[in-house]
Amino acid sequence: MSKKTTTMVWYSAVPLWLLIRFARTYPQETEQYYSRYFYPLVFNLHQLLLDWIPLSLGDILYIVLSGYLLRTVTKKLPYWKVKPINILLDIGSFAILTAWVFHLSWGFNYHRLPLNEQLNISIKYSKQDLENGIDQLIRKSNHLHHQLVTSDTLAVTFPFSKDQVLEKIKPYDPLLQKIILNATQVKKSLLSLPLSYMGYAGYLNPFTLESQVNAKIPLLSLITTSFHEMAHQLGYASEKEANFIAYLSAINSDDPYLQYAGYTFAFRYFYSELYKLDSEKAVRKLKMLHPGILKNFKTVSDFWKQYKNPFEIVFDKAYDGYLKANGQTSGIKSYNEMVGLVINHHKNQGVF
C-alpha cells in the first residue's frame, strides 16, 4: 500500500468513528435510515449476486485472505529487515478498511432500536414468570414429542437430511409478523471442522451476508442455528434477538419437527436461567420432560464433548470481546437474554 493511500485510510478512521458514535447515540435514526432503508438494499444486492452459488463464498474469502496474509508475512521475513512502523501502518490500514466494509454492509445493525422497544414489550421478568414459562415449554415439548415418537422413552429421529432441513428453513420476522417465504438459503460451512473445535454452531458472514451453519452439528441444533443465522441476515444483530427470532420461526413453522426443535431450544435457556436461581427446582422441572427429549439433549451434548479442547475458552473470550466492542454489553451472556423476550412476548399473548 502506497504512503498516500495509507495516509488517506488512516484519516478515514475519524469519520467512521463519528458514524459509529452517532449510530450508538441515536438508535431511532439508525433504525430508520440504516436498518430499514440502506441495509435491505445491500442485502438484496448480495442475494442477487451470491444466492445462486451453492458454496459459501464467505468461507472461500476467509481461506484465500488467510493464505494471502500468511504469504505476505513470510515474504517480509526476516523482520529485522523491515521497518516495524511500516508493518504497523499496513496492519492498521487493513483493520480500518475492514471496519468500514463491516459496518456499511451489516455492522450498524448492532446499534438499531432494540426489538423489545419496537414490539413494546419488556425484557424483565420475575422468578414466577420464569417458572410459568418453563412449565408451558415442558407441556409443549412433551406434547410434540408424543406426536413424533411411539414411546416417551424414544428420542425424536428427524425424517429428513441436513440438506432438506436447510431447504425448509424460513425465518419469522416479528416486526412484519409473518414468515419470510423468499428468504435466502442457509449454506453449509466449508469450515465446519474448525467451527466444531471453536465451539461454534454457525455464523453470519458480515461481508458476504451468507448464513453459515456448521454441517457437523446434530439436526436438533442445525434447525435452530439456521433460524438464528437467518435472523442475523434479516438485520437483527443482537444475539438475544436472533435467538428469540429463531424460537418464533421454529414454533410458527407448520412442520412439527421444527416446532419441537423450537420449544426444546427455548427450554434449555429457561432451564439454565432457573438453575441459577433455584437449582433444585430446575432439576425437578427437567425430570418432567419425557426421557426421549433428554436423549435428544444428550446427543447434542455428546457432539460438543468430542470437540472439547483448551483453546475453546480463548474463542469464547474473543467473541465476548467482539460483542461488547459492538455495544452488546452482556457479551456472550446475551444469548440467554432471549428468555425475557420470550416470556413477555407470550404474556402479551396471554399464553404465559
Protein backbone atom coordinates (compact mmCIF):
# COMPACT_ATOMS: atom_id res chain seq x y z
CA MET A 1 0.00 0.00 0.00
CA SER A 2 1.44 3.38 -1.00
CA LYS A 3 2.21 6.04 1.59
CA LYS A 4 -0.51 8.33 0.18
CA THR A 5 -3.14 5.58 0.29
CA THR A 6 -2.16 4.60 3.81
CA THR A 7 -2.49 8.21 4.96
CA MET A 8 -5.96 8.53 3.38
CA VAL A 9 -7.12 5.30 5.00
CA TRP A 10 -5.93 6.41 8.43
CA TYR A 11 -7.69 9.76 8.04
CA SER A 12 -10.90 7.91 7.16
CA ALA A 13 -10.90 6.37 10.64
CA VAL A 14 -12.17 9.68 12.05
CA PRO A 15 -15.47 9.84 10.08
CA LEU A 16 -16.00 6.12 10.73
CA TRP A 17 -15.61 6.67 14.48
CA LEU A 18 -18.06 9.59 14.30
CA LEU A 19 -20.59 7.49 12.40
CA ILE A 20 -20.37 4.70 14.98
CA ARG A 21 -20.80 7.19 17.82
CA PHE A 22 -23.82 8.69 16.05
CA ALA A 23 -25.36 5.25 15.46
CA ARG A 24 -24.96 4.30 19.14
CA THR A 25 -26.33 7.62 20.37
CA TYR A 26 -29.32 7.75 18.03
CA PRO A 27 -30.72 4.21 17.61
CA GLN A 28 -34.03 5.54 16.24
CA GLU A 29 -32.24 7.21 13.33
CA THR A 30 -30.03 4.14 12.84
CA GLU A 31 -33.18 2.02 12.67
CA GLN A 32 -34.91 4.30 10.19
CA TYR A 33 -32.09 5.16 7.80
CA TYR A 34 -29.72 2.21 8.04
CA SER A 35 -31.60 -0.91 9.19
CA ARG A 36 -34.84 -0.24 7.32
CA TYR A 37 -33.58 1.61 4.25
CA PHE A 38 -29.89 1.16 3.50
CA TYR A 39 -29.29 -2.37 4.79
CA PRO A 40 -32.16 -4.00 2.81
CA LEU A 41 -30.66 -2.55 -0.39
CA VAL A 42 -27.25 -4.01 0.45
CA PHE A 43 -28.75 -7.37 1.39
CA ASN A 44 -30.85 -7.60 -1.78
CA LEU A 45 -27.74 -6.89 -3.84
CA HIS A 46 -25.85 -9.64 -2.05
CA GLN A 47 -28.76 -12.04 -2.64
CA LEU A 48 -28.76 -11.23 -6.34
CA LEU A 49 -25.03 -11.78 -6.70
CA LEU A 50 -24.42 -14.72 -4.33
CA ASP A 51 -27.61 -16.72 -3.78
CA TRP A 52 -27.12 -18.87 -6.87
CA ILE A 53 -23.68 -20.02 -5.69
CA PRO A 54 -24.12 -23.30 -3.73
CA LEU A 55 -20.80 -22.97 -1.89
CA SER A 56 -20.05 -20.46 0.82
CA LEU A 57 -18.21 -17.63 -0.90
CA GLY A 58 -17.57 -16.09 2.52
CA ASP A 59 -15.67 -19.19 3.67
CA ILE A 60 -13.62 -19.16 0.47
CA LEU A 61 -12.91 -15.46 1.02
CA TYR A 62 -11.60 -16.16 4.54
CA ILE A 63 -9.43 -19.06 3.32
CA VAL A 64 -7.93 -17.01 0.48
CA LEU A 65 -7.40 -13.98 2.71
CA SER A 66 -5.68 -16.08 5.38
CA GLY A 67 -3.36 -17.53 2.74
CA TYR A 68 -2.61 -14.08 1.35
CA LEU A 69 -1.77 -12.66 4.78
CA LEU A 70 0.44 -15.65 5.58
CA ARG A 71 2.26 -15.24 2.27
CA THR A 72 2.69 -11.50 2.84
CA VAL A 73 4.14 -12.05 6.31
CA THR A 74 6.56 -14.77 5.19
CA LYS A 75 7.75 -12.65 2.25
CA LYS A 76 8.72 -9.88 4.67
CA LEU A 77 10.79 -12.17 6.86
CA PRO A 78 13.25 -11.70 8.45
CA TYR A 79 11.61 -8.88 10.39
CA TRP A 80 14.84 -7.03 11.17
CA LYS A 81 15.00 -6.03 7.51
CA VAL A 82 11.56 -4.41 7.64
CA LYS A 83 10.67 -1.17 9.37
CA PRO A 84 8.27 -2.06 12.22
CA ILE A 85 6.39 1.20 11.75
CA ASN A 86 5.51 0.22 8.16
CA ILE A 87 4.16 -3.12 9.30
CA LEU A 88 2.01 -1.44 11.96
CA LEU A 89 0.71 1.14 9.49
CA ASP A 90 -0.23 -1.58 6.97
CA ILE A 91 -1.99 -3.66 9.65
CA GLY A 92 -3.85 -0.58 10.87
CA SER A 93 -4.89 0.36 7.32
CA PHE A 94 -6.21 -3.13 6.70
CA ALA A 95 -8.16 -3.03 10.00
CA ILE A 96 -9.69 0.37 9.17
CA LEU A 97 -10.78 -0.72 5.68
CA THR A 98 -12.25 -3.92 7.12
CA ALA A 99 -14.15 -1.91 9.72
CA TRP A 100 -15.62 0.34 7.01
CA VAL A 101 -16.85 -2.63 4.97
CA PHE A 102 -18.12 -4.43 8.08
CA HIS A 103 -20.19 -1.51 9.35
CA LEU A 104 -21.60 -0.46 5.98
CA SER A 105 -22.58 -3.98 4.92
CA TRP A 106 -24.10 -5.13 8.23
CA GLY A 107 -22.42 -3.92 11.42
CA PHE A 108 -24.51 -0.81 12.06
CA ASN A 109 -27.40 -3.16 12.83
CA TYR A 110 -25.80 -3.62 16.25
CA HIS A 111 -26.94 -0.11 17.08
CA ARG A 112 -30.51 -0.19 15.79
CA LEU A 113 -33.53 0.34 18.04
CA PRO A 114 -33.90 -2.69 20.36
CA LEU A 115 -36.53 -5.16 19.20
CA ASN A 116 -38.37 -5.18 22.54
CA GLU A 117 -38.92 -1.41 22.24
CA GLN A 118 -40.28 -1.83 18.72
CA LEU A 119 -42.60 -4.60 19.89
CA ASN A 120 -43.49 -2.60 23.01
CA ILE A 121 -42.63 -5.43 25.39
CA SER A 122 -40.41 -5.60 28.46
CA ILE A 123 -37.35 -7.82 28.85
CA LYS A 124 -37.70 -8.06 32.64
CA TYR A 125 -39.37 -11.00 34.37
CA SER A 126 -39.88 -12.50 37.81
CA LYS A 127 -38.95 -15.96 39.05
CA GLN A 128 -42.64 -16.87 38.87
CA ASP A 129 -42.73 -15.75 35.23
CA LEU A 130 -39.74 -17.99 34.57
CA GLU A 131 -41.41 -20.97 36.26
CA ASN A 132 -44.68 -20.41 34.38
CA GLY A 133 -42.76 -20.18 31.14
CA ILE A 134 -40.76 -23.33 31.68
CA ASP A 135 -43.97 -25.21 32.57
CA GLN A 136 -45.52 -24.17 29.27
CA LEU A 137 -42.40 -25.18 27.35
CA ILE A 138 -42.39 -28.58 29.05
CA ARG A 139 -46.05 -29.08 28.14
CA LYS A 140 -45.46 -28.08 24.50
CA SER A 141 -42.28 -30.14 24.19
CA ASN A 142 -43.86 -33.26 25.69
CA HIS A 143 -46.95 -32.88 23.51
CA LEU A 144 -44.92 -32.64 20.30
CA HIS A 145 -42.62 -35.45 21.42
CA HIS A 146 -45.69 -37.65 21.95
CA GLN A 147 -46.79 -36.89 18.38
CA LEU A 148 -43.42 -37.68 16.83
CA VAL A 149 -42.49 -40.96 18.54
CA THR A 150 -44.28 -44.11 19.68
CA SER A 151 -42.83 -44.09 23.20
CA ASP A 152 -41.92 -41.42 25.75
CA THR A 153 -38.51 -43.04 26.12
CA LEU A 154 -37.54 -42.72 22.45
CA ALA A 155 -35.51 -39.81 21.09
CA VAL A 156 -37.03 -37.99 18.13
CA THR A 157 -35.49 -39.10 14.85
CA PHE A 158 -35.82 -36.50 12.13
CA PRO A 159 -37.14 -37.90 8.83
CA PHE A 160 -35.08 -35.61 6.62
CA SER A 161 -31.45 -34.92 5.79
CA LYS A 162 -29.49 -31.83 6.74
CA ASP A 163 -29.76 -30.54 3.18
CA GLN A 164 -33.54 -30.97 3.30
CA VAL A 165 -33.67 -29.09 6.61
CA LEU A 166 -31.87 -26.12 5.09
CA GLU A 167 -34.46 -26.02 2.32
CA LYS A 168 -37.29 -25.96 4.89
CA ILE A 169 -35.93 -23.05 6.92
CA LYS A 170 -37.96 -19.86 6.56
CA PRO A 171 -37.46 -17.17 9.22
CA TYR A 172 -40.24 -15.33 11.02
CA ASP A 173 -39.89 -11.54 11.19
CA PRO A 174 -41.57 -10.29 14.40
CA LEU A 175 -41.83 -6.73 13.09
CA LEU A 176 -43.65 -7.83 9.95
CA GLN A 177 -45.40 -10.59 11.94
CA LYS A 178 -45.02 -13.09 9.13
CA ILE A 179 -42.75 -15.80 7.78
CA ILE A 180 -40.37 -14.56 5.07
CA LEU A 181 -41.01 -17.04 2.29
CA ASN A 182 -38.45 -15.57 -0.13
CA ALA A 183 -35.61 -15.69 2.40
CA THR A 184 -32.20 -16.76 1.19
CA GLN A 185 -30.98 -20.28 1.91
CA VAL A 186 -28.54 -21.17 4.68
CA LYS A 187 -25.27 -22.64 3.43
CA LYS A 188 -23.20 -25.41 4.99
CA SER A 189 -19.85 -24.00 6.02
CA LEU A 190 -16.70 -25.31 4.37
CA LEU A 191 -15.04 -24.66 7.73
CA SER A 192 -17.34 -26.92 9.75
CA LEU A 193 -14.50 -28.89 11.35
CA PRO A 194 -12.66 -25.78 12.63
CA LEU A 195 -16.00 -24.36 13.78
CA SER A 196 -16.62 -27.53 15.81
CA TYR A 197 -13.31 -27.16 17.63
CA MET A 198 -14.03 -23.46 18.18
CA GLY A 199 -17.41 -24.34 19.70
CA TYR A 200 -19.45 -22.51 17.04
CA ALA A 201 -22.67 -23.90 15.55
CA GLY A 202 -22.80 -21.30 12.80
CA TYR A 203 -22.17 -17.70 11.88
CA LEU A 204 -23.23 -14.91 9.55
CA ASN A 205 -20.51 -13.64 7.28
CA PRO A 206 -20.88 -9.84 7.62
CA PHE A 207 -19.07 -9.21 4.34
CA THR A 208 -20.99 -11.55 2.02
CA LEU A 209 -24.13 -11.72 4.22
CA GLU A 210 -24.26 -15.51 3.85
CA SER A 211 -25.70 -17.58 6.70
CA GLN A 212 -23.25 -20.34 7.52
CA VAL A 213 -24.12 -23.41 9.57
CA ASN A 214 -21.74 -25.98 10.97
CA ALA A 215 -22.70 -29.04 8.92
CA LYS A 216 -21.48 -31.44 11.59
CA ILE A 217 -23.90 -30.49 14.39
CA PRO A 218 -26.92 -32.71 15.17
CA LEU A 219 -30.18 -31.94 13.36
CA LEU A 220 -31.89 -30.65 16.51
CA SER A 221 -29.26 -27.90 16.75
CA LEU A 222 -28.99 -27.41 12.99
CA ILE A 223 -32.62 -26.31 12.81
CA THR A 224 -32.46 -23.57 15.43
CA THR A 225 -28.95 -22.49 14.43
CA SER A 226 -30.16 -21.99 10.86
CA PHE A 227 -33.08 -19.87 12.06
CA HIS A 228 -30.69 -17.92 14.31
CA GLU A 229 -28.29 -17.09 11.48
CA MET A 230 -31.15 -16.13 9.17
CA ALA A 231 -32.36 -13.72 11.84
CA HIS A 232 -28.95 -12.07 11.62
CA GLN A 233 -29.43 -11.90 7.85
CA LEU A 234 -32.69 -10.04 8.38
CA GLY A 235 -30.65 -7.39 10.16
CA TYR A 236 -31.13 -8.43 13.80
CA ALA A 237 -27.55 -8.31 15.06
CA SER A 238 -28.29 -8.79 18.77
CA GLU A 239 -27.76 -12.40 19.87
CA LYS A 240 -30.76 -12.38 22.21
CA GLU A 241 -32.94 -11.07 19.38
CA ALA A 242 -31.60 -13.66 16.93
CA ASN A 243 -32.31 -16.41 19.49
CA PHE A 244 -35.80 -15.02 20.05
CA ILE A 245 -36.48 -14.96 16.32
CA ALA A 246 -35.07 -18.49 15.94
CA TYR A 247 -37.58 -19.65 18.54
CA LEU A 248 -40.50 -17.80 16.92
CA SER A 249 -39.52 -19.05 13.46
CA ALA A 250 -39.46 -22.66 14.62
CA ILE A 251 -42.74 -22.64 16.56
CA ASN A 252 -44.54 -20.76 13.77
CA SER A 253 -43.49 -23.37 11.23
CA ASP A 254 -46.15 -25.82 10.04
CA ASP A 255 -43.67 -28.69 10.49
CA PRO A 256 -43.98 -30.40 13.92
CA TYR A 257 -40.30 -31.41 13.86
CA LEU A 258 -39.25 -27.78 13.52
CA GLN A 259 -41.72 -26.81 16.25
CA TYR A 260 -40.22 -29.48 18.51
CA ALA A 261 -36.75 -28.06 17.89
CA GLY A 262 -38.03 -24.59 18.76
CA TYR A 263 -39.72 -25.44 22.05
CA THR A 264 -36.86 -27.63 23.28
CA PHE A 265 -34.39 -24.92 22.23
CA ALA A 266 -36.17 -22.37 24.45
CA PHE A 267 -36.46 -24.88 27.29
CA ARG A 268 -32.68 -25.19 27.56
CA TYR A 269 -32.29 -21.44 28.02
CA PHE A 270 -35.15 -21.26 30.52
CA TYR A 271 -33.68 -24.19 32.43
CA SER A 272 -30.27 -22.50 32.54
CA GLU A 273 -31.75 -19.31 33.98
CA LEU A 274 -33.90 -21.15 36.54
CA TYR A 275 -30.91 -23.26 37.61
CA LYS A 276 -29.03 -20.06 38.51
CA LEU A 277 -31.91 -19.00 40.79
CA ASP A 278 -33.03 -22.35 42.20
CA SER A 279 -31.03 -25.39 41.14
CA GLU A 280 -33.23 -27.92 42.99
CA LYS A 281 -36.42 -26.65 41.38
CA ALA A 282 -34.74 -26.56 37.97
CA VAL A 283 -33.74 -30.22 38.29
CA ARG A 284 -37.31 -31.13 39.27
CA LYS A 285 -38.58 -29.34 36.17
CA LEU A 286 -36.07 -31.17 33.99
CA LYS A 287 -37.42 -34.51 35.22
CA MET A 288 -40.88 -33.52 33.93
CA LEU A 289 -39.64 -33.81 30.35
CA HIS A 290 -40.10 -37.12 28.55
CA PRO A 291 -36.94 -39.27 28.77
CA GLY A 292 -36.78 -39.28 24.96
CA ILE A 293 -36.32 -35.50 24.93
CA LEU A 294 -33.41 -35.83 27.34
CA LYS A 295 -31.86 -38.34 24.93
CA ASN A 296 -32.06 -35.71 22.17
CA PHE A 297 -30.33 -33.25 24.51
CA LYS A 298 -27.65 -35.86 25.27
CA THR A 299 -26.94 -36.30 21.55
CA VAL A 300 -26.22 -32.59 21.27
CA SER A 301 -24.10 -32.59 24.44
CA ASP A 302 -22.11 -35.64 23.32
CA PHE A 303 -21.37 -33.99 19.98
CA TRP A 304 -19.74 -30.95 21.59
CA LYS A 305 -17.84 -33.07 24.12
CA GLN A 306 -15.89 -34.81 21.37
CA TYR A 307 -14.55 -31.45 20.16
CA LYS A 308 -13.76 -30.04 23.60
CA ASN A 309 -10.29 -28.50 23.71
CA PRO A 310 -8.29 -25.99 25.80
CA PHE A 311 -8.50 -23.29 23.12
CA GLU A 312 -12.29 -23.12 23.14
CA ILE A 313 -12.25 -20.70 26.05
CA VAL A 314 -9.99 -18.40 24.02
CA PHE A 315 -12.54 -18.27 21.20
CA ASP A 316 -15.32 -17.62 23.71
CA LYS A 317 -13.36 -14.75 25.25
CA ALA A 318 -12.60 -13.32 21.81
CA TYR A 319 -16.24 -13.43 20.75
CA ASP A 320 -17.33 -11.99 24.09
CA GLY A 321 -14.96 -9.07 23.49
CA TYR A 322 -16.21 -8.64 19.93
CA LEU A 323 -19.84 -8.40 21.10
CA LYS A 324 -19.00 -5.92 23.84
CA ALA A 325 -17.00 -3.81 21.38
CA ASN A 326 -20.12 -3.61 19.23
CA GLY A 327 -22.34 -2.34 22.01
CA GLN A 328 -23.64 -5.70 23.32
CA THR A 329 -22.83 -5.01 26.96
CA SER A 330 -23.68 -8.53 28.17
CA GLY A 331 -21.30 -10.07 25.65
CA ILE A 332 -21.68 -13.80 25.16
CA LYS A 333 -24.22 -13.94 28.00
CA SER A 334 -26.68 -12.03 25.80
CA TYR A 335 -27.78 -15.32 24.19
CA ASN A 336 -29.60 -16.18 27.43
CA GLU A 337 -31.40 -12.84 27.48
CA MET A 338 -33.82 -14.18 24.89
CA VAL A 339 -35.71 -15.61 27.90
CA GLY A 340 -37.10 -12.19 28.79
CA LEU A 341 -38.24 -11.61 25.21
CA VAL A 342 -39.98 -14.99 25.03
CA ILE A 343 -41.73 -14.55 28.39
CA ASN A 344 -43.04 -11.08 27.71
CA HIS A 345 -43.99 -11.86 24.13
CA HIS A 346 -46.17 -14.73 25.31
CA LYS A 347 -47.50 -12.79 28.30
CA ASN A 348 -48.78 -10.21 25.82
CA GLN A 349 -50.49 -13.06 24.00
CA GLY A 350 -51.94 -14.40 27.23
CA VAL A 351 -50.01 -17.67 26.94
CA PHE A 352 -47.53 -17.47 29.84
